[in-house]
């Protein structure tokens, strides 16, 4: 089956996948892609429906053994990564997902997130102050990366002196989410999983006996009708909150500013009406160039999508970047419209795996973009950026700016 110009290992495709997506939507909206052994799903309606379809799952081990599902046993050498990843909300299904999400939601409340607003605003303002003092620099390294890491570290209660450890651990672990990761990527992920898990276990044990106001204390002590989170579940939840939370926010910030620089009319419009336009602008930037281009699911029962039969045991690749540019759902989808109000993008997913951290991500993005727009109104690009090689989690190497 044709997959057009879809080539996730090509630098040119990673830099601009949207023409290939348009071809897929028009000619082969559900198609087999042999290099990654997946079925690509390109249209918004299909992606949205499959995210909610319980005949698919993020895992299959709640229903089948590896052999029954026609999959090889995981490499025992990768066990620390799989133990960490497989106990996180993102890769669980009911009943474990239901139980853990309920318990985590009791600790990770909207009130707790909203209480962080002054902290997020203070941190964003401080980072922008540093950028202004230097006359510019790499927007990703100086603002986009430090902000979400500092926020989640503050929220979890990670001591300030340890926070430099978090970003490298996260980067090494999330390398495994790319297509067909190599053995060196796996080795780094295993080492980071072991080190990060050991660090968090020690922190959790301290908080169980001497709790504070932080999220780790709340997760360690949360209970509901006699149910509690195991130590491994707390560890996996904390790592997921950091990895998913900050990777998405970092890349939305970088991708978003690059989008604004390429659309100077919209940037001028936003600068002229920051308070009015910022909330819809953030949503539009997440739609127009989503940081998570692909979300994978296992087919637990035979299904049919767009007239194409996909057998049990298959893996589908839901193309978020394509769905968010589907003209069947979004008017003039390739146009950046910061005032767009009809914008049900699926950047945060849908169904039971809808992003738990979406309110926190929105808070961070609004404060980060707001601080830069208000305090650096002349912010301008120094040179065109280069994309990192990863496709699934897609972002820039750097974004050099002057103020």
Protein backbone atom coordinates (compact mmCIF):
# COMPACT_ATOMS: atom_id res chain seq x y z
CA UNK A 1 0.00 0.00 0.00
CA UNK A 2 1.19 3.52 -0.75
CA UNK A 3 2.52 5.71 2.04
CA UNK A 4 3.43 8.67 -0.16
CA UNK A 5 6.25 10.79 1.17
CA UNK A 6 5.90 9.47 4.74
CA UNK A 7 9.47 8.85 5.93
CA UNK A 8 10.03 9.43 9.66
CA UNK A 9 13.78 8.92 9.35
CA UNK A 10 14.17 11.66 6.74
CA UNK A 11 15.32 15.08 7.97
CA UNK A 12 13.30 16.76 5.22
CA UNK A 13 10.13 14.94 6.25
CA UNK A 14 10.64 15.70 9.95
CA UNK A 15 11.12 19.38 9.09
CA UNK A 16 7.87 19.47 7.12
CA UNK A 17 5.63 16.38 7.26
CA UNK A 18 2.41 18.15 6.31
CA UNK A 19 2.50 17.69 2.51
CA UNK A 20 2.98 13.95 3.02
CA UNK A 21 0.10 13.92 5.49
CA UNK A 22 -2.17 15.64 2.96
CA UNK A 23 -1.30 12.96 0.41
CA UNK A 24 -2.05 10.21 2.92
CA UNK A 25 -5.41 11.71 3.87
CA UNK A 26 -6.39 12.04 0.20
CA UNK A 27 -5.07 8.75 -1.20
CA UNK A 28 -4.36 6.26 1.60
CA UNK A 29 -5.88 7.41 4.91
CA UNK A 30 -5.42 3.92 6.40
CA UNK A 31 -2.33 2.21 5.05
CA UNK A 32 0.26 -0.38 5.98
CA UNK A 33 3.78 1.03 6.53
CA UNK A 34 6.25 -1.84 6.37
CA UNK A 35 9.41 -0.09 7.68
CA UNK A 36 7.87 0.32 11.15
CA UNK A 37 5.41 -2.60 10.88
CA UNK A 38 2.44 -0.33 11.59
CA UNK A 39 -0.85 0.82 10.12
CA UNK A 40 -0.85 4.59 9.57
CA UNK A 41 -4.14 6.37 10.30
CA UNK A 42 -4.22 9.92 8.92
CA UNK A 43 -7.73 11.40 9.12
CA UNK A 44 -9.10 13.29 12.12
CA UNK A 45 -12.37 11.35 12.37
CA UNK A 46 -10.58 7.98 12.37
CA UNK A 47 -7.85 9.07 14.80
CA UNK A 48 -10.38 10.59 17.20
CA UNK A 49 -12.59 7.48 17.08
CA UNK A 50 -9.73 5.03 17.60
CA UNK A 51 -8.44 6.95 20.63
CA UNK A 52 -11.80 6.12 22.27
CA UNK A 53 -12.16 2.57 20.90
CA UNK A 54 -11.70 -0.04 23.64
CA UNK A 55 -10.83 -2.67 21.01
CA UNK A 56 -7.43 -0.99 21.00
CA UNK A 57 -5.02 -0.57 23.89
CA UNK A 58 -1.75 1.00 24.86
CA UNK A 59 -0.79 -2.48 26.01
CA UNK A 60 -2.09 -5.98 25.32
CA UNK A 61 -0.67 -7.82 28.32
CA UNK A 62 -3.87 -7.33 30.34
CA UNK A 63 -5.54 -9.72 27.85
CA UNK A 64 -2.85 -11.76 26.12
CA UNK A 65 0.60 -13.20 26.63
CA UNK A 66 3.29 -12.07 24.23
CA UNK A 67 3.08 -15.43 22.46
CA UNK A 68 -0.71 -15.28 22.15
CA UNK A 69 -0.41 -11.82 20.61
CA UNK A 70 2.30 -12.89 18.22
CA UNK A 71 4.92 -10.62 19.77
CA UNK A 72 8.43 -11.50 21.00
CA UNK A 73 9.26 -11.47 24.68
CA UNK A 74 10.92 -8.19 25.74
CA UNK A 75 14.70 -8.23 26.00
CA UNK A 76 15.52 -9.02 29.68
CA UNK A 77 18.34 -6.47 29.50
CA UNK A 78 15.71 -3.73 29.01
CA UNK A 79 13.71 -4.73 32.11
CA UNK A 80 14.36 -1.53 34.15
CA UNK A 81 12.90 0.60 31.34
CA UNK A 82 9.88 -1.66 30.85
CA UNK A 83 9.13 -1.87 34.59
CA UNK A 84 9.20 1.92 34.82
CA UNK A 85 7.25 2.54 31.62
CA UNK A 86 4.70 -0.28 31.95
CA UNK A 87 3.54 0.89 35.39
CA UNK A 88 2.77 4.43 34.19
CA UNK A 89 -0.72 5.63 33.33
CA UNK A 90 0.11 6.13 29.68
CA UNK A 91 0.79 2.43 29.09
CA UNK A 92 -1.86 0.82 31.30
CA UNK A 93 -5.38 -0.36 30.57
CA UNK A 94 -8.33 -1.10 32.84
CA UNK A 95 -8.63 -2.13 35.58
CA UNK A 96 -5.13 -0.94 36.62
CA UNK A 97 -5.42 2.31 34.64
CA UNK A 98 -8.81 3.09 36.21
CA UNK A 99 -7.53 2.52 39.75
CA UNK A 100 -4.27 4.44 39.36
CA UNK A 101 -5.80 7.38 37.47
CA UNK A 102 -8.46 7.74 40.19
CA UNK A 103 -5.83 7.75 42.93
CA UNK A 104 -3.47 10.10 41.06
CA UNK A 105 -6.37 12.46 40.30
CA UNK A 106 -7.04 12.77 44.04
CA UNK A 107 -3.51 14.16 44.47
CA UNK A 108 -3.03 15.93 41.11
CA UNK A 109 -6.09 18.14 41.46
CA UNK A 110 -7.13 21.23 39.44
CA UNK A 111 -6.81 23.20 42.68
CA UNK A 112 -3.21 22.04 43.13
CA UNK A 113 -2.40 22.98 39.52
CA UNK A 114 -4.04 26.40 39.83
CA UNK A 115 -2.16 27.04 43.08
CA UNK A 116 1.04 26.84 41.01
CA UNK A 117 0.12 29.87 38.88
CA UNK A 118 2.14 32.40 40.95
CA UNK A 119 5.13 30.03 40.93
CA UNK A 120 4.92 29.45 37.17
CA UNK A 121 4.58 33.20 36.54
CA UNK A 122 7.58 33.95 38.79
CA UNK A 123 9.75 31.30 37.13
CA UNK A 124 8.78 32.40 33.61
CA UNK A 125 9.46 36.03 34.46
CA UNK A 126 12.87 35.17 35.88
CA UNK A 127 13.86 33.20 32.78
CA UNK A 128 12.77 36.03 30.48
CA UNK A 129 14.74 38.48 32.64
CA UNK A 130 17.83 36.38 32.02
CA UNK A 131 17.19 36.28 28.28
CA UNK A 132 16.80 40.08 28.20
CA UNK A 133 19.97 40.60 30.23
CA UNK A 134 21.92 38.51 27.70
CA UNK A 135 20.40 40.29 24.73
CA UNK A 136 18.97 37.00 23.47
CA UNK A 137 20.23 33.46 23.08
CA UNK A 138 18.78 30.01 22.54
CA UNK A 139 15.11 30.32 23.48
CA UNK A 140 14.83 26.57 24.03
CA UNK A 141 17.79 26.25 26.39
CA UNK A 142 17.10 29.49 28.29
CA UNK A 143 13.28 29.50 28.59
CA UNK A 144 11.49 26.54 27.02
CA UNK A 145 13.42 23.76 28.79
CA UNK A 146 14.05 25.22 32.27
CA UNK A 147 10.47 26.32 32.92
CA UNK A 148 8.53 23.00 32.83
CA UNK A 149 11.39 21.13 34.52
CA UNK A 150 11.47 23.69 37.34
CA UNK A 151 7.67 23.62 37.67
CA UNK A 152 7.33 19.84 37.86
CA UNK A 153 10.35 19.63 40.17
CA UNK A 154 8.75 22.22 42.44
CA UNK A 155 5.46 20.38 42.28
CA UNK A 156 7.03 17.00 43.07
CA UNK A 157 9.26 18.45 45.76
CA UNK A 158 12.61 17.60 44.15
CA UNK A 159 15.31 19.59 45.99
CA UNK A 160 16.76 22.41 43.91
CA UNK A 161 20.26 20.96 44.00
CA UNK A 162 19.05 17.76 42.29
CA UNK A 163 17.01 19.30 39.49
CA UNK A 164 19.82 19.29 36.96
CA UNK A 165 19.53 15.49 36.91
CA UNK A 166 15.95 15.42 35.63
CA UNK A 167 16.24 16.65 32.04
CA UNK A 168 19.06 14.23 31.02
CA UNK A 169 17.20 11.28 32.57
CA UNK A 170 14.02 12.27 30.77
CA UNK A 171 15.74 12.74 27.41
CA UNK A 172 17.35 9.30 27.61
CA UNK A 173 14.11 7.56 28.61
CA UNK A 174 11.96 9.20 25.94
CA UNK A 175 14.41 8.13 23.26
CA UNK A 176 12.70 4.72 23.45
CA UNK A 177 9.45 6.22 22.18
CA UNK A 178 10.89 6.83 18.71
CA UNK A 179 10.36 4.33 15.90
CA UNK A 180 12.67 1.30 15.95
CA UNK A 181 15.10 2.61 18.61
CA UNK A 182 18.59 1.13 18.44
CA UNK A 183 20.51 -0.73 21.12
CA UNK A 184 22.51 2.34 22.20
CA UNK A 185 19.24 4.23 22.75
CA UNK A 186 17.95 1.29 24.79
CA UNK A 187 21.14 1.17 26.85
CA UNK A 188 20.86 4.85 27.77
CA UNK A 189 17.16 4.43 28.58
CA UNK A 190 17.85 1.48 30.88
CA UNK A 191 20.57 3.36 32.75
CA UNK A 192 18.39 6.46 33.13
CA UNK A 193 15.41 4.35 34.24
CA UNK A 194 17.50 2.69 36.94
CA UNK A 195 19.06 5.91 38.21
CA UNK A 196 15.81 7.90 38.14
CA UNK A 197 13.87 5.09 39.86
CA UNK A 198 16.48 4.69 42.60
CA UNK A 199 16.48 8.44 43.20
CA UNK A 200 12.70 8.64 43.46
CA UNK A 201 12.43 5.59 45.72
CA UNK A 202 14.72 7.24 48.24
CA UNK A 203 12.71 10.47 48.02
CA UNK A 204 9.38 8.64 48.40
CA UNK A 205 10.57 6.78 51.49
CA UNK A 206 11.61 10.04 53.11
CA UNK A 207 8.23 11.59 52.32
CA UNK A 208 6.26 8.65 53.70
CA UNK A 209 7.80 9.29 57.11
CA UNK A 210 8.17 13.07 56.81
CA UNK A 211 5.52 14.32 54.36
CA UNK A 212 5.41 17.84 52.96
CA UNK A 213 3.04 19.82 50.76
CA UNK A 214 4.50 18.41 47.53
CA UNK A 215 2.97 15.97 45.06
CA UNK A 216 5.29 13.09 45.95
CA UNK A 217 4.04 13.27 49.54
CA UNK A 218 0.45 13.36 48.32
CA UNK A 219 0.97 10.39 45.98
CA UNK A 220 2.79 8.40 48.65
CA UNK A 221 -0.06 8.89 51.11
CA UNK A 222 -3.12 8.94 48.82
CA UNK A 223 -5.76 6.32 49.60
CA UNK A 224 -9.30 5.54 48.48
CA UNK A 225 -11.42 2.84 50.13
CA UNK A 226 -8.30 1.02 51.27
CA UNK A 227 -6.51 1.27 47.91
CA UNK A 228 -3.10 2.94 47.73
CA UNK A 229 -0.42 3.40 45.10
CA UNK A 230 2.48 0.98 45.30
CA UNK A 231 5.98 2.42 45.45
CA UNK A 232 6.55 1.41 41.81
CA UNK A 233 3.31 3.09 40.76
CA UNK A 234 4.34 6.33 42.50
CA UNK A 235 7.77 6.17 40.83
CA UNK A 236 6.27 5.56 37.38
CA UNK A 237 3.70 8.32 37.87
CA UNK A 238 6.36 10.87 38.84
CA UNK A 239 8.53 9.96 35.84
CA UNK A 240 5.54 10.16 33.49
CA UNK A 241 4.57 13.58 34.85
CA UNK A 242 8.08 14.86 34.17
CA UNK A 243 8.61 13.17 30.80
CA UNK A 244 5.22 13.77 29.24
CA UNK A 245 4.75 17.15 30.89
CA UNK A 246 7.99 18.79 30.02
CA UNK A 247 8.70 17.22 26.61
CA UNK A 248 5.37 18.48 25.30
CA UNK A 249 5.75 21.95 26.82
CA UNK A 250 9.35 22.40 25.66
CA UNK A 251 8.52 21.46 22.09
CA UNK A 252 5.26 23.41 21.96
CA UNK A 253 7.20 26.50 23.05
CA UNK A 254 9.96 26.04 20.49
CA UNK A 255 7.69 24.92 17.65
CA UNK A 256 5.23 27.67 18.56
CA UNK A 257 7.74 30.52 18.39
CA UNK A 258 9.13 29.17 15.12
CA UNK A 259 5.55 29.16 13.79
CA UNK A 260 5.07 32.77 14.91
CA UNK A 261 8.31 33.91 13.27
CA UNK A 262 7.18 32.26 10.01
CA UNK A 263 3.80 34.03 10.26
CA UNK A 264 4.75 37.64 11.07
CA UNK A 265 1.24 38.94 10.50
CA UNK A 266 -0.15 36.64 13.19
CA UNK A 267 2.73 37.47 15.52
CA UNK A 268 1.98 41.20 15.13
CA UNK A 269 -1.70 40.48 15.75
CA UNK A 270 -0.86 38.61 18.95
CA UNK A 271 1.52 41.29 20.20
CA UNK A 272 -1.19 43.91 19.71
CA UNK A 273 -3.77 41.92 21.73
CA UNK A 274 -1.90 39.62 24.11
CA UNK A 275 -4.54 39.43 26.84
CA UNK A 276 -7.38 38.83 24.41
CA UNK A 277 -5.71 36.40 22.00
CA UNK A 278 -3.27 34.41 24.13
CA UNK A 279 -5.59 31.55 25.21
CA UNK A 280 -6.75 30.76 21.67
CA UNK A 281 -3.23 31.38 20.33
CA UNK A 282 -1.77 28.68 22.60
CA UNK A 283 -4.42 26.19 21.44
CA UNK A 284 -3.78 27.07 17.79
CA UNK A 285 -0.01 26.68 18.14
CA UNK A 286 -0.56 23.23 19.65
CA UNK A 287 -2.80 22.30 16.73
CA UNK A 288 -0.68 23.79 13.94
CA UNK A 289 2.59 22.06 14.86
CA UNK A 290 1.90 19.48 17.55
CA UNK A 291 4.90 18.23 19.55
CA UNK A 292 3.59 14.64 19.54
CA UNK A 293 3.19 13.61 15.92
CA UNK A 294 2.26 9.96 16.45
CA UNK A 295 0.50 7.96 19.16
CA UNK A 296 0.59 4.17 18.94
CA UNK A 297 -2.05 1.63 19.95
CA UNK A 298 -2.31 -2.17 19.80
CA UNK A 299 -5.27 -3.80 18.05
CA UNK A 300 -6.84 -6.20 20.56
CA UNK A 301 -9.62 -7.43 18.25
CA UNK A 302 -10.03 -7.33 14.47
CA UNK A 303 -11.27 -3.88 13.43
CA UNK A 304 -12.22 -2.07 10.25
CA UNK A 305 -11.16 1.53 9.68
CA UNK A 306 -12.20 3.45 6.59
CA UNK A 307 -13.11 0.20 4.87
CA UNK A 308 -9.72 -1.35 5.64
CA UNK A 309 -9.53 -4.46 7.85
CA UNK A 310 -6.80 -4.36 10.50
CA UNK A 311 -6.23 -7.71 12.23
CA UNK A 312 -5.70 -8.38 15.92
CA UNK A 313 -2.03 -8.15 16.89
CA UNK A 314 -1.37 -5.16 14.64
CA UNK A 315 -0.06 -1.81 15.81
CA UNK A 316 -1.73 1.38 14.58
CA UNK A 317 0.08 4.70 14.37
CA UNK A 318 -2.39 7.52 14.93
CA UNK A 319 -0.96 10.55 13.14
CA UNK A 320 -1.83 13.48 15.40
CA UNK A 321 0.00 15.94 13.18
CA UNK A 322 -2.09 14.88 10.21
CA UNK A 323 -5.38 14.80 12.12
CA UNK A 324 -4.79 18.33 13.38
CA UNK A 325 -4.47 19.56 9.76
CA UNK A 326 -7.46 17.67 8.37
CA UNK A 327 -9.64 20.00 6.24
CA UNK A 328 -12.64 17.79 6.96
CA UNK A 329 -12.51 19.08 10.55
CA UNK A 330 -10.61 22.38 10.50
CA UNK A 331 -11.39 25.28 8.20
CA UNK A 332 -8.32 26.29 6.19
CA UNK A 333 -6.17 24.00 8.36
CA UNK A 334 -2.75 24.99 6.99
CA UNK A 335 -3.34 28.63 7.93
CA UNK A 336 -2.17 29.72 11.37
CA UNK A 337 -5.15 31.55 12.88
CA UNK A 338 -4.43 32.63 16.45
CA UNK A 339 -8.05 33.62 16.96
CA UNK A 340 -9.41 30.20 15.92
CA UNK A 341 -12.23 29.25 18.32
CA UNK A 342 -13.52 26.03 16.74
CA UNK A 343 -10.38 24.09 17.57
CA UNK A 344 -10.89 20.55 18.94
CA UNK A 345 -7.27 19.54 18.32
CA UNK A 346 -6.14 16.19 19.66
CA UNK A 347 -2.68 17.22 20.82
CA UNK A 348 -3.56 16.02 24.35
CA UNK A 349 -5.16 12.82 23.07
CA UNK A 350 -8.69 11.64 23.87
CA UNK A 351 -10.50 8.89 25.72
CA UNK A 352 -9.18 7.32 28.91
CA UNK A 353 -5.60 8.33 28.08
CA UNK A 354 -6.39 12.02 27.65
CA UNK A 355 -3.39 13.88 29.07
CA UNK A 356 -3.72 14.23 32.85
CA UNK A 357 -1.30 17.16 32.77
CA UNK A 358 -3.17 19.21 30.14
CA UNK A 359 -4.21 21.95 32.63
CA UNK A 360 -0.60 22.31 33.84
CA UNK A 361 0.74 22.42 30.27
CA UNK A 362 -1.76 25.13 29.34
CA UNK A 363 -0.82 27.13 32.43
CA UNK A 364 2.90 26.93 31.64
CA UNK A 365 2.43 27.82 27.98
CA UNK A 366 0.20 30.81 28.71
CA UNK A 367 2.65 32.17 31.29
CA UNK A 368 5.73 31.51 29.12
CA UNK A 369 4.34 33.01 25.91
CA UNK A 370 2.75 35.85 27.87
CA UNK A 371 6.00 36.82 29.59
CA UNK A 372 7.95 36.81 26.33
CA UNK A 373 5.30 38.74 24.38
CA UNK A 374 4.95 41.43 27.05
CA UNK A 375 8.56 41.84 28.09
CA UNK A 376 10.35 41.15 24.80
CA UNK A 377 8.09 42.78 22.19
CA UNK A 378 10.96 43.03 19.72
CA UNK A 379 11.97 39.38 19.97
CA UNK A 380 13.30 38.28 16.57
CA UNK A 381 14.87 35.24 14.99
CA UNK A 382 18.63 35.11 14.39
CA UNK A 383 18.70 32.18 11.96
CA UNK A 384 16.47 29.39 10.76
CA UNK A 385 16.49 26.50 13.25
CA UNK A 386 17.27 22.83 12.66
CA UNK A 387 14.92 20.05 13.76
CA UNK A 388 16.09 17.29 16.06
CA UNK A 389 16.16 13.89 14.32
CA UNK A 390 13.27 12.43 16.37
CA UNK A 391 9.88 12.27 14.67
CA UNK A 392 7.41 10.95 17.28
CA UNK A 393 8.38 13.64 19.80
CA UNK A 394 9.22 16.44 17.38
CA UNK A 395 11.10 19.58 18.28
CA UNK A 396 13.93 21.95 17.44
CA UNK A 397 17.61 21.61 18.33
CA UNK A 398 17.72 25.30 19.24
CA UNK A 399 15.97 28.58 18.46
CA UNK A 400 18.40 31.50 18.45
CA UNK A 401 16.78 34.90 19.07
CA UNK A 402 17.68 38.52 19.74
CA UNK A 403 15.74 40.95 21.89
